Amino acid sequence: MTKKVIKKKIREFLRKQGYENKVITLAIIFILFSIYWIFLTSMPLRTELPRNVEIEKGSSVKAISRQLKEGGFIRSKVIFSSLVILQGNRSIISGEYRFENRENIFEVINRLTRGDYGIPSKSVRIPEGTTLLEMGIVFEDNFENFDKEAFYQLTEGKEGYLFPDTYIFLENVKTHEVVEVLEETFNQKVAALREELGGFKIPLEDIVIMASIVEKEADDENREQIANVLWHRIEIEMPLQVDATFVYSRGKGTFDLTKEDLIEKENPYNTYVHKGLPPTPISNPGLDSLKAAATPEKTEYLYFLTGHNGETYYATTFEDHKRNKAKYLR
């Protein structure tokens, strides 16, 4: 073998070795980078689980990344912020999140942008005609973090304006969140009803008060008729003379009322003494009662009673009303 051939072989060998070394070097760099990337995008091992984190409404991505880093949910603020920005129009949803298991940064971002709180929810039903006092008891019995006294403070003056319905809340729902949802639901229902009816001829405040009485005095079959009787009485300046207002103001039902109760002028909810509507709603009415109060049927009836058979009987005069009493209540 000549020197020339030997030199050529040596050069080929060195060139091959250099290429292989580059490949090996790049592979090592890629492996090291992948390990580092996995490390940066994983939840720190020191994080104790389960753990909750609350994202405040209006928080910036920078503030959230700092909060998550300090709480041990992510390792890198920069990577978190960059990945969120790359999401485009998917913004982070505020609220309290629970992490039961270790999740990487992609899973964390996915949950925050979908509102996947990881907290069990509970359904609670608020019947039509429930008062604020009764609502507070129902929510306190069902939700651990609910503060009944705070609820009463937040809802002062809002009797009638929290919509009764079946709601689903997270188990850790806060008191102010409950109030916000019930108020917003009422506003939505009233807006839809106003549009359905082409507007209200009666002021909303009066509709709500009347509906709250109808909710207590009527049933599914006679809401419109009862609303009509009561509006008719107001129209001719006749006292409403309904007992439901005493239940609200004095906690007394029809069979508990005394003569003194019926003539008590100091009670603004005494509809036997004071003409017109009581000063506030006496319950939180449902949609059917609101609709009945907003669209009363025009009849001449001024009296009604429910007989022992469950039927409602109407009269235009007091004499007819007395005859109905004698016939259907004895």
C-alpha atoms as a PDB file:
ATOM      1  CA  MET A   1       0.000   0.000   0.000  1.00  0.00           C
ATOM      2  CA  THR A   2       1.470   3.306  -1.044  1.00  0.00           C
ATOM      3  CA  LYS A   3       1.852   6.335   1.180  1.00  0.00           C
ATOM      4  CA  LYS A   4      -0.760   8.129  -0.855  1.00  0.00           C
ATOM      5  CA  VAL A   5      -3.344   5.441  -0.273  1.00  0.00           C
ATOM      6  CA  ILE A   6      -2.502   5.303   3.427  1.00  0.00           C
ATOM      7  CA  LYS A   7      -2.952   9.073   3.800  1.00  0.00           C
ATOM      8  CA  LYS A   8      -6.284   8.852   2.001  1.00  0.00           C
ATOM      9  CA  LYS A   9      -7.494   6.111   4.331  1.00  0.00           C
ATOM     10  CA  ILE A  10      -6.445   8.149   7.354  1.00  0.00           C
ATOM     11  CA  ARG A  11      -8.279  11.238   6.097  1.00  0.00           C
ATOM     12  CA  GLU A  12     -11.457   9.205   5.426  1.00  0.00           C
ATOM     13  CA  PHE A  13     -11.260   7.665   8.905  1.00  0.00           C
ATOM     14  CA  LEU A  14     -10.844  11.047  10.612  1.00  0.00           C
ATOM     15  CA  ARG A  15     -13.649  12.544   8.542  1.00  0.00           C
ATOM     16  CA  LYS A  16     -15.916   9.664   9.478  1.00  0.00           C
ATOM     17  CA  GLN A  17     -14.986   9.941  13.122  1.00  0.00           C
ATOM     18  CA  GLY A  18     -15.688  13.690  13.070  1.00  0.00           C
ATOM     19  CA  TYR A  19     -19.129  13.152  11.551  1.00  0.00           C
ATOM     20  CA  GLU A  20     -19.991  10.459  14.051  1.00  0.00           C
ATOM     21  CA  ASN A  21     -18.772  12.668  16.883  1.00  0.00           C
ATOM     22  CA  LYS A  22     -21.034  15.478  15.719  1.00  0.00           C
ATOM     23  CA  VAL A  23     -24.009  13.129  15.572  1.00  0.00           C
ATOM     24  CA  ILE A  24     -23.243  11.826  19.046  1.00  0.00           C
ATOM     25  CA  THR A  25     -22.774  15.352  20.352  1.00  0.00           C
ATOM     26  CA  LEU A  26     -26.076  16.512  18.877  1.00  0.00           C
ATOM     27  CA  ALA A  27     -27.844  13.460  20.269  1.00  0.00           C
ATOM     28  CA  ILE A  28     -26.457  14.142  23.728  1.00  0.00           C
ATOM     29  CA  ILE A  29     -27.506  17.801  23.498  1.00  0.00           C
ATOM     30  CA  PHE A  30     -31.008  16.787  22.381  1.00  0.00           C
ATOM     31  CA  ILE A  31     -31.343  14.282  25.230  1.00  0.00           C
ATOM     32  CA  LEU A  32     -30.088  16.781  27.794  1.00  0.00           C
ATOM     33  CA  PHE A  33     -32.426  19.476  26.458  1.00  0.00           C
ATOM     34  CA  SER A  34     -35.386  17.072  26.512  1.00  0.00           C
ATOM     35  CA  ILE A  35     -34.642  16.120  30.100  1.00  0.00           C
ATOM     36  CA  TYR A  36     -34.333  19.792  31.052  1.00  0.00           C
ATOM     37  CA  TRP A  37     -37.566  20.631  29.197  1.00  0.00           C
ATOM     38  CA  ILE A  38     -39.436  17.846  30.972  1.00  0.00           C
ATOM     39  CA  PHE A  39     -38.001  19.102  34.244  1.00  0.00           C
ATOM     40  CA  LEU A  40     -39.113  22.687  33.566  1.00  0.00           C
ATOM     41  CA  THR A  41     -42.616  21.716  32.454  1.00  0.00           C
ATOM     42  CA  SER A  42     -43.347  19.309  35.318  1.00  0.00           C
ATOM     43  CA  MET A  43     -44.818  20.141  38.713  1.00  0.00           C
ATOM     44  CA  PRO A  44     -42.164  20.397  41.451  1.00  0.00           C
ATOM     45  CA  LEU A  45     -41.839  17.166  43.447  1.00  0.00           C
ATOM     46  CA  ARG A  46     -41.951  19.088  46.711  1.00  0.00           C
ATOM     47  CA  THR A  47     -45.532  20.218  46.045  1.00  0.00           C
ATOM     48  CA  GLU A  48     -47.901  18.685  48.582  1.00  0.00           C
ATOM     49  CA  LEU A  49     -51.142  17.457  47.058  1.00  0.00           C
ATOM     50  CA  PRO A  50     -54.076  17.940  47.011  1.00  0.00           C
ATOM     51  CA  ARG A  51     -53.703  21.702  46.885  1.00  0.00           C
ATOM     52  CA  ASN A  52     -55.945  24.586  45.832  1.00  0.00           C
ATOM     53  CA  VAL A  53     -55.088  27.823  44.096  1.00  0.00           C
ATOM     54  CA  GLU A  54     -57.458  30.748  43.524  1.00  0.00           C
ATOM     55  CA  ILE A  55     -57.067  32.838  40.383  1.00  0.00           C
ATOM     56  CA  GLU A  56     -58.498  36.295  41.009  1.00  0.00           C
ATOM     57  CA  LYS A  57     -60.658  37.876  38.334  1.00  0.00           C
ATOM     58  CA  GLY A  58     -58.711  40.319  36.192  1.00  0.00           C
ATOM     59  CA  SER A  59     -55.258  38.935  37.104  1.00  0.00           C
ATOM     60  CA  SER A  60     -52.592  39.338  34.443  1.00  0.00           C
ATOM     61  CA  VAL A  61     -50.725  36.371  32.964  1.00  0.00           C
ATOM     62  CA  LYS A  62     -47.564  37.644  34.657  1.00  0.00           C
ATOM     63  CA  ALA A  63     -49.243  37.790  38.061  1.00  0.00           C
ATOM     64  CA  ILE A  64     -50.765  34.329  37.589  1.00  0.00           C
ATOM     65  CA  SER A  65     -47.435  32.822  36.558  1.00  0.00           C
ATOM     66  CA  ARG A  66     -45.821  34.282  39.668  1.00  0.00           C
ATOM     67  CA  GLN A  67     -48.648  32.964  41.851  1.00  0.00           C
ATOM     68  CA  LEU A  68     -48.371  29.460  40.366  1.00  0.00           C
ATOM     69  CA  LYS A  69     -44.574  29.462  40.688  1.00  0.00           C
ATOM     70  CA  GLU A  70     -44.690  30.510  44.331  1.00  0.00           C
ATOM     71  CA  GLY A  71     -47.421  27.959  45.023  1.00  0.00           C
ATOM     72  CA  GLY A  72     -45.383  25.117  43.589  1.00  0.00           C
ATOM     73  CA  PHE A  73     -47.683  24.387  40.637  1.00  0.00           C
ATOM     74  CA  ILE A  74     -45.122  25.205  37.922  1.00  0.00           C
ATOM     75  CA  ARG A  75     -41.332  25.521  37.734  1.00  0.00           C
ATOM     76  CA  SER A  76     -40.934  28.235  35.114  1.00  0.00           C
ATOM     77  CA  LYS A  77     -42.849  31.520  34.943  1.00  0.00           C
ATOM     78  CA  VAL A  78     -41.354  32.297  31.521  1.00  0.00           C
ATOM     79  CA  ILE A  79     -42.459  29.025  29.934  1.00  0.00           C
ATOM     80  CA  PHE A  80     -45.927  29.325  31.459  1.00  0.00           C
ATOM     81  CA  SER A  81     -46.404  32.895  30.221  1.00  0.00           C
ATOM     82  CA  SER A  82     -45.059  32.048  26.763  1.00  0.00           C
ATOM     83  CA  LEU A  83     -47.323  29.034  26.360  1.00  0.00           C
ATOM     84  CA  VAL A  84     -50.398  30.987  27.502  1.00  0.00           C
ATOM     85  CA  ILE A  85     -49.642  33.758  25.018  1.00  0.00           C
ATOM     86  CA  LEU A  86     -49.232  31.168  22.255  1.00  0.00           C
ATOM     87  CA  GLN A  87     -52.748  29.938  23.053  1.00  0.00           C
ATOM     88  CA  GLY A  88     -54.051  33.107  21.384  1.00  0.00           C
ATOM     89  CA  ASN A  89     -57.671  33.841  22.301  1.00  0.00           C
ATOM     90  CA  ARG A  90     -57.886  31.222  25.086  1.00  0.00           C
ATOM     91  CA  SER A  91     -57.732  33.284  28.256  1.00  0.00           C
ATOM     92  CA  ILE A  92     -57.408  32.068  31.830  1.00  0.00           C
ATOM     93  CA  ILE A  93     -60.701  31.711  33.704  1.00  0.00           C
ATOM     94  CA  SER A  94     -60.779  32.998  37.269  1.00  0.00           C
ATOM     95  CA  GLY A  95     -61.834  30.860  40.210  1.00  0.00           C
ATOM     96  CA  GLU A  96     -60.509  28.322  42.682  1.00  0.00           C
ATOM     97  CA  TYR A  97     -58.793  25.222  41.279  1.00  0.00           C
ATOM     98  CA  ARG A  98     -57.967  21.983  43.065  1.00  0.00           C
ATOM     99  CA  PHE A  99     -55.010  19.825  42.034  1.00  0.00           C
ATOM    100  CA  GLU A 100     -55.276  16.243  43.256  1.00  0.00           C
ATOM    101  CA  ASN A 101     -52.421  14.838  41.142  1.00  0.00           C
ATOM    102  CA  ARG A 102     -49.154  16.059  39.672  1.00  0.00           C
ATOM    103  CA  GLU A 103     -49.795  17.735  36.342  1.00  0.00           C
ATOM    104  CA  ASN A 104     -47.379  19.175  33.826  1.00  0.00           C
ATOM    105  CA  ILE A 105     -47.500  22.763  32.695  1.00  0.00           C
ATOM    106  CA  PHE A 106     -49.561  21.925  29.591  1.00  0.00           C
ATOM    107  CA  GLU A 107     -52.229  20.234  31.705  1.00  0.00           C
ATOM    108  CA  VAL A 108     -52.252  23.162  34.138  1.00  0.00           C
ATOM    109  CA  ILE A 109     -52.761  25.671  31.309  1.00  0.00           C
ATOM    110  CA  ASN A 110     -55.434  23.522  29.698  1.00  0.00           C
ATOM    111  CA  ARG A 111     -57.403  23.389  32.953  1.00  0.00           C
ATOM    112  CA  LEU A 112     -57.057  27.114  33.627  1.00  0.00           C
ATOM    113  CA  THR A 113     -58.245  28.053  30.149  1.00  0.00           C
ATOM    114  CA  ARG A 114     -61.198  25.624  30.231  1.00  0.00           C
ATOM    115  CA  GLY A 115     -62.344  26.455  33.749  1.00  0.00           C
ATOM    116  CA  ASP A 116     -61.784  22.854  34.841  1.00  0.00           C
ATOM    117  CA  TYR A 117     -61.742  23.577  38.574  1.00  0.00           C
ATOM    118  CA  GLY A 118     -61.404  19.985  39.716  1.00  0.00           C
ATOM    119  CA  ILE A 119     -63.876  20.642  42.559  1.00  0.00           C
ATOM    120  CA  PRO A 120     -67.112  18.644  42.941  1.00  0.00           C
ATOM    121  CA  SER A 121     -70.368  20.494  42.305  1.00  0.00           C
ATOM    122  CA  LYS A 122     -73.700  20.222  44.075  1.00  0.00           C
ATOM    123  CA  SER A 123     -77.259  20.876  42.950  1.00  0.00           C
ATOM    124  CA  VAL A 124     -79.597  22.869  45.195  1.00  0.00           C
ATOM    125  CA  ARG A 125     -83.228  23.741  44.589  1.00  0.00           C
ATOM    126  CA  ILE A 126     -84.739  27.035  45.746  1.00  0.00           C
ATOM    127  CA  PRO A 127     -88.561  26.738  45.507  1.00  0.00           C
ATOM    128  CA  GLU A 128     -90.697  29.595  44.216  1.00  0.00           C
ATOM    129  CA  GLY A 129     -91.847  31.813  47.064  1.00  0.00           C
ATOM    130  CA  THR A 130     -88.766  31.219  49.208  1.00  0.00           C
ATOM    131  CA  THR A 131     -87.776  34.216  51.345  1.00  0.00           C
ATOM    132  CA  LEU A 132     -84.244  35.498  51.808  1.00  0.00           C
ATOM    133  CA  LEU A 133     -84.293  34.147  55.351  1.00  0.00           C
ATOM    134  CA  GLU A 134     -85.174  30.682  54.058  1.00  0.00           C
ATOM    135  CA  MET A 135     -82.636  30.909  51.228  1.00  0.00           C
ATOM    136  CA  GLY A 136     -79.824  31.579  53.669  1.00  0.00           C
ATOM    137  CA  ILE A 137     -80.705  28.459  55.646  1.00  0.00           C
ATOM    138  CA  VAL A 138     -80.866  26.273  52.514  1.00  0.00           C
ATOM    139  CA  PHE A 139     -77.481  27.402  51.225  1.00  0.00           C
ATOM    140  CA  GLU A 140     -75.783  27.133  54.612  1.00  0.00           C
ATOM    141  CA  ASP A 141     -77.074  23.565  54.958  1.00  0.00           C
ATOM    142  CA  ASN A 142     -75.612  22.632  51.564  1.00  0.00           C
ATOM    143  CA  PHE A 143     -72.326  24.534  51.239  1.00  0.00           C
ATOM    144  CA  GLU A 144     -69.539  24.501  53.775  1.00  0.00           C
ATOM    145  CA  ASN A 145     -68.063  27.902  52.929  1.00  0.00           C
ATOM    146  CA  PHE A 146     -71.422  29.680  52.778  1.00  0.00           C
ATOM    147  CA  ASP A 147     -71.944  32.351  55.452  1.00  0.00           C
ATOM    148  CA  LYS A 148     -75.624  32.865  56.202  1.00  0.00           C
ATOM    149  CA  GLU A 149     -75.133  36.138  58.072  1.00  0.00           C
ATOM    150  CA  ALA A 150     -72.981  37.565  55.278  1.00  0.00           C
ATOM    151  CA  PHE A 151     -75.706  36.496  52.831  1.00  0.00           C
ATOM    152  CA  TYR A 152     -78.305  38.496  54.743  1.00  0.00           C
ATOM    153  CA  GLN A 153     -76.060  41.564  54.705  1.00  0.00           C
ATOM    154  CA  LEU A 154     -75.354  41.254  50.974  1.00  0.00           C
ATOM    155  CA  THR A 155     -79.035  40.795  50.134  1.00  0.00           C
ATOM    156  CA  GLU A 156     -80.463  43.526  52.337  1.00  0.00           C
ATOM    157  CA  GLY A 157     -83.267  45.202  50.399  1.00  0.00           C
ATOM    158  CA  LYS A 158     -83.204  42.523  47.684  1.00  0.00           C
ATOM    159  CA  GLU A 159     -86.184  40.435  48.752  1.00  0.00           C
ATOM    160  CA  GLY A 160     -88.005  39.442  45.582  1.00  0.00           C
ATOM    161  CA  TYR A 161     -85.001  40.019  43.315  1.00  0.00           C
ATOM    162  CA  LEU A 162     -83.154  36.712  43.755  1.00  0.00           C
ATOM    163  CA  PHE A 163     -84.575  34.176  41.354  1.00  0.00           C
ATOM    164  CA  PRO A 164     -85.770  30.821  42.761  1.00  0.00           C
ATOM    165  CA  ASP A 165     -84.539  27.933  40.626  1.00  0.00           C
ATOM    166  CA  THR A 166     -82.405  24.794  40.677  1.00  0.00           C
ATOM    167  CA  TYR A 167     -78.747  25.810  40.735  1.00  0.00           C
ATOM    168  CA  ILE A 168     -75.480  23.932  40.445  1.00  0.00           C
ATOM    169  CA  PHE A 169     -72.596  25.419  42.415  1.00  0.00           C
ATOM    170  CA  LEU A 170     -69.110  24.184  43.217  1.00  0.00           C
ATOM    171  CA  GLU A 171     -68.938  22.783  46.739  1.00  0.00           C
ATOM    172  CA  ASN A 172     -66.589  25.597  47.779  1.00  0.00           C
ATOM    173  CA  VAL A 173     -68.791  28.383  46.388  1.00  0.00           C
ATOM    174  CA  LYS A 174     -68.501  31.697  48.213  1.00  0.00           C
ATOM    175  CA  THR A 175     -71.422  33.661  49.570  1.00  0.00           C
ATOM    176  CA  HIS A 176     -71.025  36.640  47.254  1.00  0.00           C
ATOM    177  CA  GLU A 177     -70.860  34.316  44.236  1.00  0.00           C
ATOM    178  CA  VAL A 178     -74.233  32.806  45.156  1.00  0.00           C
ATOM    179  CA  VAL A 179     -75.782  36.260  45.451  1.00  0.00           C
ATOM    180  CA  GLU A 180     -74.332  37.343  42.101  1.00  0.00           C
ATOM    181  CA  VAL A 181     -75.692  34.273  40.299  1.00  0.00           C
ATOM    182  CA  LEU A 182     -79.194  34.582  41.810  1.00  0.00           C
ATOM    183  CA  GLU A 183     -79.350  38.298  40.992  1.00  0.00           C
ATOM    184  CA  GLU A 184     -78.094  37.807  37.450  1.00  0.00           C
ATOM    185  CA  THR A 185     -80.589  34.989  36.878  1.00  0.00           C
ATOM    186  CA  PHE A 186     -83.421  37.255  38.023  1.00  0.00           C
ATOM    187  CA  ASN A 187     -82.298  40.008  35.645  1.00  0.00           C
ATOM    188  CA  GLN A 188     -82.076  37.571  32.738  1.00  0.00           C
ATOM    189  CA  LYS A 189     -85.515  36.095  33.425  1.00  0.00           C
ATOM    190  CA  VAL A 190     -87.141  39.526  33.733  1.00  0.00           C
ATOM    191  CA  ALA A 191     -85.453  40.756  30.544  1.00  0.00           C
ATOM    192  CA  ALA A 192     -86.737  37.711  28.647  1.00  0.00           C
ATOM    193  CA  LEU A 193     -90.230  38.174  30.102  1.00  0.00           C
ATOM    194  CA  ARG A 194     -90.251  41.870  29.245  1.00  0.00           C
ATOM    195  CA  GLU A 195     -89.351  41.016  25.655  1.00  0.00           C
ATOM    196  CA  GLU A 196     -91.971  38.256  25.512  1.00  0.00           C
ATOM    197  CA  LEU A 197     -94.700  40.589  26.739  1.00  0.00           C
ATOM    198  CA  GLY A 198     -93.546  43.548  24.673  1.00  0.00           C
ATOM    199  CA  GLY A 199     -92.691  45.548  27.775  1.00  0.00           C
ATOM    200  CA  PHE A 200     -94.430  46.111  31.100  1.00  0.00           C
ATOM    201  CA  LYS A 201     -97.346  48.500  31.596  1.00  0.00           C
ATOM    202  CA  ILE A 202     -96.861  48.222  35.366  1.00  0.00           C
ATOM    203  CA  PRO A 203     -93.612  49.325  37.107  1.00  0.00           C
ATOM    204  CA  LEU A 204     -91.276  46.412  37.735  1.00  0.00           C
ATOM    205  CA  GLU A 205     -91.136  47.146  41.479  1.00  0.00           C
ATOM    206  CA  ASP A 206     -94.919  46.777  41.731  1.00  0.00           C
ATOM    207  CA  ILE A 207     -94.887  43.639  39.603  1.00  0.00           C
ATOM    208  CA  VAL A 208     -92.345  41.987  41.884  1.00  0.00           C
ATOM    209  CA  ILE A 209     -94.302  42.869  45.040  1.00  0.00           C
ATOM    210  CA  MET A 210     -97.565  41.624  43.557  1.00  0.00           C
ATOM    211  CA  ALA A 211     -95.892  38.471  42.210  1.00  0.00           C
ATOM    212  CA  SER A 212     -94.469  37.730  45.648  1.00  0.00           C
ATOM    213  CA  ILE A 213     -98.016  37.819  47.097  1.00  0.00           C
ATOM    214  CA  VAL A 214     -99.472  35.778  44.237  1.00  0.00           C
ATOM    215  CA  GLU A 215     -96.765  33.175  44.843  1.00  0.00           C
ATOM    216  CA  LYS A 216     -98.060  32.710  48.382  1.00  0.00           C
ATOM    217  CA  GLU A 217    -101.805  33.050  47.721  1.00  0.00           C
ATOM    218  CA  ALA A 218    -102.238  31.191  44.422  1.00  0.00           C
ATOM    219  CA  ASP A 219    -101.343  27.917  42.763  1.00  0.00           C
ATOM    220  CA  ASP A 220    -100.508  26.841  39.220  1.00  0.00           C
ATOM    221  CA  GLU A 221    -104.162  26.964  38.145  1.00  0.00           C
ATOM    222  CA  ASN A 222    -105.222  30.425  39.312  1.00  0.00           C
ATOM    223  CA  ARG A 223    -102.276  32.827  39.367  1.00  0.00           C
ATOM    224  CA  GLU A 224    -103.725  35.150  36.718  1.00  0.00           C
ATOM    225  CA  GLN A 225    -107.127  35.248  38.389  1.00  0.00           C
ATOM    226  CA  ILE A 226    -105.728  35.952  41.867  1.00  0.00           C
ATOM    227  CA  ALA A 227    -103.456  38.665  40.446  1.00  0.00           C
ATOM    228  CA  ASN A 228    -106.485  40.218  38.783  1.00  0.00           C
ATOM    229  CA  VAL A 229    -108.516  40.276  42.015  1.00  0.00           C
ATOM    230  CA  LEU A 230    -105.669  41.952  43.901  1.00  0.00           C
ATOM    231  CA  TRP A 231    -104.962  44.548  41.201  1.00  0.00           C
ATOM    232  CA  HIS A 232    -108.696  45.259  41.020  1.00  0.00           C
ATOM    233  CA  ARG A 233    -108.783  45.951  44.755  1.00  0.00           C
ATOM    234  CA  ILE A 234    -105.894  48.360  44.452  1.00  0.00           C
ATOM    235  CA  GLU A 235    -107.603  50.078  41.544  1.00  0.00           C
ATOM    236  CA  ILE A 236    -110.717  50.851  43.615  1.00  0.00           C
ATOM    237  CA  GLU A 237    -108.637  51.615  46.745  1.00  0.00           C
ATOM    238  CA  MET A 238    -109.830  48.567  48.609  1.00  0.00           C
ATOM    239  CA  PRO A 239    -107.395  46.910  51.068  1.00  0.00           C
ATOM    240  CA  LEU A 240    -105.802  43.733  49.734  1.00  0.00           C
ATOM    241  CA  GLN A 241    -106.670  41.835  52.920  1.00  0.00           C
ATOM    242  CA  VAL A 242    -104.256  38.962  52.336  1.00  0.00           C
ATOM    243  CA  ASP A 243    -102.860  36.895  55.190  1.00  0.00           C
ATOM    244  CA  ALA A 244     -99.554  36.014  53.519  1.00  0.00           C
ATOM    245  CA  THR A 245     -98.113  39.410  54.450  1.00  0.00           C
ATOM    246  CA  PHE A 246     -98.596  38.550  58.137  1.00  0.00           C
ATOM    247  CA  VAL A 247     -96.591  35.355  57.709  1.00  0.00           C
ATOM    248  CA  TYR A 248     -93.760  37.469  56.331  1.00  0.00           C
ATOM    249  CA  SER A 249     -93.916  40.295  58.878  1.00  0.00           C
ATOM    250  CA  ARG A 250     -95.103  38.506  62.024  1.00  0.00           C
ATOM    251  CA  GLY A 251     -94.583  34.822  61.313  1.00  0.00           C
ATOM    252  CA  LYS A 252     -98.297  34.156  61.796  1.00  0.00           C
ATOM    253  CA  GLY A 253    -100.552  32.176  59.465  1.00  0.00           C
ATOM    254  CA  THR A 254    -104.270  32.604  58.821  1.00  0.00           C
ATOM    255  CA  PHE A 255    -105.374  30.571  61.815  1.00  0.00           C
ATOM    256  CA  ASP A 256    -102.912  32.287  64.184  1.00  0.00           C
ATOM    257  CA  LEU A 257    -104.036  35.839  63.520  1.00  0.00           C
ATOM    258  CA  THR A 258    -105.814  37.739  66.280  1.00  0.00           C
ATOM    259  CA  LYS A 259    -108.083  40.753  66.123  1.00  0.00           C
ATOM    260  CA  GLU A 260    -105.194  42.863  67.410  1.00  0.00           C
ATOM    261  CA  ASP A 261    -103.036  41.703  64.486  1.00  0.00           C
ATOM    262  CA  LEU A 262    -105.679  42.726  61.984  1.00  0.00           C
ATOM    263  CA  ILE A 263    -106.025  46.281  63.341  1.00  0.00           C
ATOM    264  CA  GLU A 264    -102.351  46.932  64.068  1.00  0.00           C
ATOM    265  CA  LYS A 265    -101.446  50.106  62.171  1.00  0.00           C
ATOM    266  CA  GLU A 266     -97.755  49.997  63.093  1.00  0.00           C
ATOM    267  CA  ASN A 267     -97.272  46.933  60.896  1.00  0.00           C
ATOM    268  CA  PRO A 268     -96.687  48.270  57.346  1.00  0.00           C
ATOM    269  CA  TYR A 269     -97.423  44.786  55.997  1.00  0.00           C
ATOM    270  CA  ASN A 270    -100.925  44.768  57.487  1.00  0.00           C
ATOM    271  CA  THR A 271    -102.952  44.724  54.278  1.00  0.00           C
ATOM    272  CA  TYR A 272    -106.212  44.856  56.223  1.00  0.00           C
ATOM    273  CA  VAL A 273    -105.392  48.363  57.483  1.00  0.00           C
ATOM    274  CA  HIS A 274    -103.068  49.787  54.820  1.00  0.00           C
ATOM    275  CA  LYS A 275    -104.302  50.112  51.262  1.00  0.00           C
ATOM    276  CA  GLY A 276    -102.189  49.354  48.241  1.00  0.00           C
ATOM    277  CA  LEU A 277     -99.148  47.109  48.017  1.00  0.00           C
ATOM    278  CA  PRO A 278     -96.957  46.342  51.034  1.00  0.00           C
ATOM    279  CA  PRO A 279     -93.631  48.224  51.146  1.00  0.00           C
ATOM    280  CA  THR A 280     -91.534  45.321  49.815  1.00  0.00           C
ATOM    281  CA  PRO A 281     -91.951  41.885  48.261  1.00  0.00           C
ATOM    282  CA  ILE A 282     -92.742  39.153  50.779  1.00  0.00           C
ATOM    283  CA  SER A 283     -90.969  36.340  48.905  1.00  0.00           C
ATOM    284  CA  ASN A 284     -88.917  35.645  45.827  1.00  0.00           C
ATOM    285  CA  PRO A 285     -91.448  34.820  43.093  1.00  0.00           C
ATOM    286  CA  GLY A 286     -90.962  32.496  40.169  1.00  0.00           C
ATOM    287  CA  LEU A 287     -91.477  33.271  36.501  1.00  0.00           C
ATOM    288  CA  ASP A 288     -95.140  32.202  36.371  1.00  0.00           C
ATOM    289  CA  SER A 289     -96.108  34.550  39.203  1.00  0.00           C
ATOM    290  CA  LEU A 290     -94.128  37.411  37.673  1.00  0.00           C
ATOM    291  CA  LYS A 291     -95.911  36.860  34.384  1.00  0.00           C
ATOM    292  CA  ALA A 292     -99.319  36.690  36.090  1.00  0.00           C
ATOM    293  CA  ALA A 293     -98.646  39.928  37.976  1.00  0.00           C
ATOM    294  CA  ALA A 294     -97.530  41.658  34.774  1.00  0.00           C
ATOM    295  CA  THR A 295    -100.534  40.516  32.714  1.00  0.00           C
ATOM    296  CA  PRO A 296    -103.603  40.414  34.997  1.00  0.00           C
ATOM    297  CA  GLU A 297    -106.880  39.356  33.421  1.00  0.00           C
ATOM    298  CA  LYS A 298    -109.572  41.996  33.561  1.00  0.00           C
ATOM    299  CA  THR A 299    -112.633  40.718  35.455  1.00  0.00           C
ATOM    300  CA  GLU A 300    -114.998  42.213  38.023  1.00  0.00           C
ATOM    301  CA  TYR A 301    -114.049  39.769  40.790  1.00  0.00           C
ATOM    302  CA  LEU A 302    -113.069  41.280  44.133  1.00  0.00           C
ATOM    303  CA  TYR A 303    -113.084  38.201  46.363  1.00  0.00           C
ATOM    304  CA  PHE A 304    -111.722  34.675  46.273  1.00  0.00           C
ATOM    305  CA  LEU A 305    -111.397  31.717  48.586  1.00  0.00           C
ATOM    306  CA  THR A 306    -110.131  28.163  48.386  1.00  0.00           C
ATOM    307  CA  GLY A 307    -112.690  25.575  49.414  1.00  0.00           C
ATOM    308  CA  HIS A 308    -112.058  22.374  51.321  1.00  0.00           C
ATOM    309  CA  ASN A 309    -112.042  20.583  47.977  1.00  0.00           C
ATOM    310  CA  GLY A 310    -109.071  22.654  46.795  1.00  0.00           C
ATOM    311  CA  GLU A 311    -111.075  24.612  44.245  1.00  0.00           C
ATOM    312  CA  THR A 312    -110.948  28.424  44.091  1.00  0.00           C
ATOM    313  CA  TYR A 313    -114.218  30.348  44.149  1.00  0.00           C
ATOM    314  CA  TYR A 314    -114.626  33.983  43.108  1.00  0.00           C
ATOM    315  CA  ALA A 315    -117.217  36.658  43.869  1.00  0.00           C
ATOM    316  CA  THR A 316    -117.908  40.203  42.762  1.00  0.00           C
ATOM    317  CA  THR A 317    -119.721  41.256  45.958  1.00  0.00           C
ATOM    318  CA  PHE A 318    -119.150  40.642  49.631  1.00  0.00           C
ATOM    319  CA  GLU A 319    -122.557  38.990  49.902  1.00  0.00           C
ATOM    320  CA  ASP A 320    -121.623  36.476  47.234  1.00  0.00           C
ATOM    321  CA  HIS A 321    -118.315  35.947  49.000  1.00  0.00           C
ATOM    322  CA  LYS A 322    -120.107  35.178  52.278  1.00  0.00           C
ATOM    323  CA  ARG A 323    -122.309  32.676  50.472  1.00  0.00           C
ATOM    324  CA  ASN A 324    -119.200  30.991  49.058  1.00  0.00           C
ATOM    325  CA  LYS A 325    -117.763  30.805  52.569  1.00  0.00           C
ATOM    326  CA  ALA A 326    -120.912  29.214  53.920  1.00  0.00           C
ATOM    327  CA  LYS A 327    -121.039  26.744  51.060  1.00  0.00           C
ATOM    328  CA  TYR A 328    -117.394  25.733  50.608  1.00  0.00           C
ATOM    329  CA  LEU A 329    -115.703  26.291  53.972  1.00  0.00           C
ATOM    330  CA  ARG A 330    -118.169  24.499  56.292  1.00  0.00           C
END
